[in-house]
Amino acid sequence: MAKSTTRKPLVGNNVSHSMRHTKRRQNLNMQTKTINGKQITKSNREWKALNKAA
């Protein structure tokens, strides 16, 4: 199951009420679907774009 996307997670800071900054990540919404017997992993945004084009 290989990743077939070039997109990366967003990186930023969690900011608490006391204004402490700690690193956080927003991961992609990766979805795995089976097409023609192969499992393909793409982000949800890419699947939506493919469905819209079809």
N, C-alpha and C. Protein backbone atom coordinates (compact mmCIF):
# COMPACT_ATOMS: atom_id res chain seq x y z
N MET A 1 0.85 -1.17 0.00
CA MET A 1 0.00 0.00 0.00
C MET A 1 0.91 1.24 0.00
N ALA A 2 1.11 1.81 -1.16
CA ALA A 2 1.99 2.98 -1.27
C ALA A 2 1.16 4.26 -1.25
N LYS A 3 1.75 5.29 -0.67
CA LYS A 3 1.09 6.59 -0.71
C LYS A 3 1.15 7.11 -2.12
N SER A 4 0.04 7.63 -2.60
CA SER A 4 0.03 8.17 -3.95
C SER A 4 -0.37 9.65 -3.90
N THR A 5 0.21 10.37 -2.98
CA THR A 5 -0.07 11.78 -2.87
C THR A 5 1.22 12.51 -2.54
N THR A 6 1.29 13.78 -2.91
CA THR A 6 2.47 14.57 -2.61
C THR A 6 2.19 15.57 -1.50
N ARG A 7 0.98 15.58 -1.00
CA ARG A 7 0.61 16.53 0.05
C ARG A 7 1.22 16.12 1.38
N LYS A 8 1.51 17.09 2.23
CA LYS A 8 2.14 16.86 3.53
C LYS A 8 1.24 17.39 4.63
N PRO A 9 1.43 16.91 5.87
CA PRO A 9 0.64 17.43 6.98
C PRO A 9 0.98 18.91 7.24
N LEU A 10 -0.01 19.66 7.70
CA LEU A 10 0.22 21.03 8.12
C LEU A 10 0.87 21.02 9.49
N VAL A 11 1.77 21.95 9.74
CA VAL A 11 2.45 22.05 11.03
C VAL A 11 2.21 23.43 11.58
N GLY A 12 1.88 23.50 12.87
CA GLY A 12 1.64 24.78 13.50
C GLY A 12 1.83 24.68 14.99
N ASN A 13 1.19 25.56 15.72
CA ASN A 13 1.31 25.58 17.18
C ASN A 13 -0.05 25.44 17.83
N ASN A 14 -0.09 24.67 18.93
CA ASN A 14 -1.20 24.75 19.86
C ASN A 14 -0.91 25.94 20.76
N VAL A 15 -1.89 26.78 20.98
CA VAL A 15 -1.69 27.94 21.84
C VAL A 15 -2.69 27.83 22.98
N SER A 16 -2.17 27.67 24.21
CA SER A 16 -3.04 27.53 25.37
C SER A 16 -3.52 28.90 25.84
N HIS A 17 -4.39 28.90 26.83
CA HIS A 17 -4.91 30.14 27.39
C HIS A 17 -3.78 30.99 27.98
N SER A 18 -2.74 30.32 28.50
CA SER A 18 -1.60 31.04 29.05
C SER A 18 -0.58 31.40 27.98
N MET A 19 -0.95 31.22 26.70
CA MET A 19 -0.13 31.58 25.54
C MET A 19 1.14 30.73 25.39
N ARG A 20 1.16 29.54 25.98
CA ARG A 20 2.26 28.61 25.72
C ARG A 20 2.07 28.02 24.33
N HIS A 21 3.17 27.90 23.59
CA HIS A 21 3.12 27.36 22.23
C HIS A 21 3.79 26.00 22.21
N THR A 22 3.05 24.98 21.76
CA THR A 22 3.61 23.65 21.56
C THR A 22 3.27 23.23 20.13
N LYS A 23 4.18 22.48 19.52
CA LYS A 23 4.00 22.08 18.13
C LYS A 23 2.82 21.11 17.99
N ARG A 24 2.12 21.22 16.87
CA ARG A 24 1.05 20.30 16.56
C ARG A 24 1.08 20.01 15.07
N ARG A 25 0.40 18.92 14.69
CA ARG A 25 0.29 18.55 13.28
C ARG A 25 -1.17 18.37 12.93
N GLN A 26 -1.55 18.79 11.74
CA GLN A 26 -2.87 18.47 11.20
C GLN A 26 -2.62 17.48 10.07
N ASN A 27 -2.90 16.21 10.34
CA ASN A 27 -2.67 15.17 9.35
C ASN A 27 -3.75 15.20 8.28
N LEU A 28 -3.41 14.64 7.12
CA LEU A 28 -4.36 14.56 6.03
C LEU A 28 -5.41 13.51 6.32
N ASN A 29 -6.57 13.68 5.71
CA ASN A 29 -7.65 12.71 5.82
C ASN A 29 -7.42 11.65 4.75
N MET A 30 -6.54 10.68 5.04
CA MET A 30 -6.17 9.65 4.06
C MET A 30 -7.20 8.53 4.04
N GLN A 31 -7.64 8.18 2.84
CA GLN A 31 -8.63 7.13 2.65
C GLN A 31 -8.05 6.08 1.71
N THR A 32 -8.27 4.80 2.02
CA THR A 32 -7.81 3.70 1.18
C THR A 32 -9.00 3.09 0.48
N LYS A 33 -8.89 2.95 -0.84
CA LYS A 33 -9.94 2.33 -1.62
C LYS A 33 -9.30 1.27 -2.51
N THR A 34 -10.07 0.22 -2.83
CA THR A 34 -9.60 -0.85 -3.68
C THR A 34 -10.18 -0.66 -5.07
N ILE A 35 -9.30 -0.50 -6.06
CA ILE A 35 -9.73 -0.33 -7.45
C ILE A 35 -8.96 -1.34 -8.28
N ASN A 36 -9.71 -2.17 -9.01
CA ASN A 36 -9.12 -3.22 -9.86
C ASN A 36 -8.17 -4.12 -9.08
N GLY A 37 -8.51 -4.43 -7.84
CA GLY A 37 -7.70 -5.33 -7.02
C GLY A 37 -6.49 -4.69 -6.37
N LYS A 38 -6.27 -3.38 -6.57
CA LYS A 38 -5.14 -2.70 -5.95
C LYS A 38 -5.66 -1.71 -4.92
N GLN A 39 -4.97 -1.64 -3.79
CA GLN A 39 -5.33 -0.66 -2.77
C GLN A 39 -4.62 0.65 -3.06
N ILE A 40 -5.40 1.73 -3.15
CA ILE A 40 -4.84 3.04 -3.44
C ILE A 40 -5.19 3.96 -2.27
N THR A 41 -4.18 4.66 -1.76
CA THR A 41 -4.36 5.59 -0.65
C THR A 41 -4.22 7.00 -1.17
N LYS A 42 -5.26 7.79 -1.01
CA LYS A 42 -5.26 9.19 -1.40
C LYS A 42 -5.94 9.99 -0.31
N SER A 43 -5.70 11.30 -0.34
CA SER A 43 -6.41 12.15 0.61
C SER A 43 -7.86 12.28 0.17
N ASN A 44 -8.72 12.60 1.11
CA ASN A 44 -10.14 12.73 0.81
C ASN A 44 -10.37 13.82 -0.23
N ARG A 45 -9.60 14.90 -0.17
CA ARG A 45 -9.74 15.99 -1.14
C ARG A 45 -9.46 15.49 -2.55
N GLU A 46 -8.46 14.61 -2.71
CA GLU A 46 -8.13 14.07 -4.02
C GLU A 46 -9.22 13.14 -4.53
N TRP A 47 -9.80 12.32 -3.66
CA TRP A 47 -10.91 11.45 -4.08
C TRP A 47 -12.10 12.27 -4.54
N LYS A 48 -12.39 13.35 -3.81
CA LYS A 48 -13.52 14.22 -4.20
C LYS A 48 -13.27 14.86 -5.56
N ALA A 49 -12.03 15.27 -5.83
CA ALA A 49 -11.69 15.87 -7.11
C ALA A 49 -11.82 14.85 -8.24
N LEU A 50 -11.40 13.61 -8.00
CA LEU A 50 -11.53 12.57 -9.00
C LEU A 50 -12.99 12.27 -9.31
N ASN A 51 -13.83 12.22 -8.27
CA ASN A 51 -15.25 11.95 -8.48
C ASN A 51 -15.91 13.08 -9.24
N LYS A 52 -15.49 14.31 -8.97
CA LYS A 52 -16.07 15.46 -9.65
C LYS A 52 -15.70 15.44 -11.14
N ALA A 53 -14.47 15.02 -11.46
CA ALA A 53 -14.01 15.00 -12.85
C ALA A 53 -14.70 13.89 -13.65
N ALA A 54 -15.08 12.81 -12.98
CA ALA A 54 -15.68 11.68 -13.66
C ALA A 54 -17.15 11.88 -14.01
